[in-house]
Amino acid sequence: MPVLVDSNVLLDIFTEDAIWLGWSATALEAADRSRLVINPMIFAEVSVHFDTIEELDATLPPIVEREDIPFSAQFPAAAGSR
């Protein structure tokens, strides 16, 4: 089963966050036996911290794959935030 990597985990690592870097790096390393994925929303959230898409592409760990979000999954995912 794939593991969806949250944008905050990636941003903690990219920005070397003083508080969360250790936790996020450990979590990502622990999940590396799984198939790690990001979706378009996570890609968009992370992209605002980069000047170009090429820079973001070069920074994303190669073990992180990209996957779309099926529309049928988006409604129930959002329902949890109500």
Protein backbone atom coordinates (compact mmCIF):
# COMPACT_ATOMS: atom_id res chain seq x y z
CA MET A 1 0.00 0.00 0.00
CA PRO A 2 1.42 3.42 -0.90
CA VAL A 3 2.23 6.02 1.73
CA LEU A 4 1.10 9.56 0.92
CA VAL A 5 3.85 11.98 1.99
CA ASP A 6 2.41 15.16 3.49
CA SER A 7 3.65 18.50 2.21
CA ASN A 8 4.69 19.51 5.74
CA VAL A 9 7.11 16.57 5.94
CA LEU A 10 8.74 17.57 2.66
CA LEU A 11 8.87 21.24 3.62
CA ASP A 12 10.43 20.42 7.00
CA ILE A 13 13.20 18.60 5.15
CA PHE A 14 13.64 21.15 2.35
CA THR A 15 13.77 24.11 4.76
CA GLU A 16 15.70 22.23 7.47
CA ASP A 17 13.07 23.30 9.99
CA ALA A 18 14.67 23.68 13.42
CA ILE A 19 11.79 22.01 15.26
CA TRP A 20 10.46 19.35 12.88
CA LEU A 21 13.39 18.32 10.66
CA GLY A 22 14.41 15.37 12.82
CA TRP A 23 10.90 13.98 13.13
CA SER A 24 10.10 14.42 9.44
CA ALA A 25 13.38 12.94 8.23
CA THR A 26 12.95 9.94 10.54
CA ALA A 27 9.36 9.42 9.39
CA LEU A 28 10.36 9.56 5.73
CA GLU A 29 13.27 7.16 6.29
CA ALA A 30 11.01 4.75 8.21
CA ALA A 31 8.52 4.73 5.35
CA ASP A 32 11.11 4.18 2.63
CA ARG A 33 10.29 0.47 2.46
CA SER A 34 6.86 1.54 1.27
CA ARG A 35 5.90 3.10 -2.03
CA LEU A 36 6.03 6.85 -1.29
CA VAL A 37 3.73 9.11 -3.30
CA ILE A 38 2.61 12.71 -3.55
CA ASN A 39 -0.49 13.97 -5.30
CA PRO A 40 -1.05 17.18 -7.31
CA MET A 41 -2.22 19.11 -4.23
CA ILE A 42 0.90 18.24 -2.27
CA PHE A 43 3.04 19.11 -5.29
CA ALA A 44 1.27 22.50 -5.48
CA GLU A 45 1.66 23.19 -1.75
CA VAL A 46 5.38 22.46 -1.88
CA SER A 47 5.94 24.30 -5.17
CA VAL A 48 5.37 27.76 -3.71
CA HIS A 49 8.75 27.46 -2.00
CA PHE A 50 10.62 27.06 -5.29
CA ASP A 51 11.32 29.47 -8.14
CA THR A 52 10.93 26.92 -10.94
CA ILE A 53 9.33 23.53 -11.50
CA GLU A 54 12.76 22.23 -12.51
CA GLU A 55 14.17 23.23 -9.11
CA LEU A 56 11.33 21.41 -7.33
CA ASP A 57 11.73 18.34 -9.54
CA ALA A 58 15.45 18.25 -8.75
CA THR A 59 14.79 18.60 -5.01
CA LEU A 60 12.08 15.95 -4.63
CA PRO A 61 13.57 12.69 -3.41
CA PRO A 62 13.72 10.21 -6.31
CA ILE A 63 11.89 7.61 -4.20
CA VAL A 64 8.77 9.82 -4.10
CA GLU A 65 6.39 9.05 -6.95
CA ARG A 66 3.55 11.20 -8.28
CA GLU A 67 -0.02 9.97 -8.39
CA ASP A 68 -3.32 11.59 -9.28
CA ILE A 69 -6.24 11.85 -6.89
CA PRO A 70 -9.37 10.16 -8.23
CA PHE A 71 -12.37 12.45 -8.00
CA SER A 72 -14.21 9.68 -6.15
CA ALA A 73 -11.65 9.94 -3.33
CA GLN A 74 -11.64 13.72 -3.02
CA PHE A 75 -15.11 14.19 -1.53
CA PRO A 76 -14.69 11.72 1.34
CA ALA A 77 -11.19 13.05 2.03
CA ALA A 78 -12.55 16.58 2.38
CA ALA A 79 -15.50 15.40 4.46
CA GLY A 80 -13.13 14.68 7.32
CA SER A 81 -12.34 18.39 7.60
CA ARG A 82 -15.96 19.40 8.17
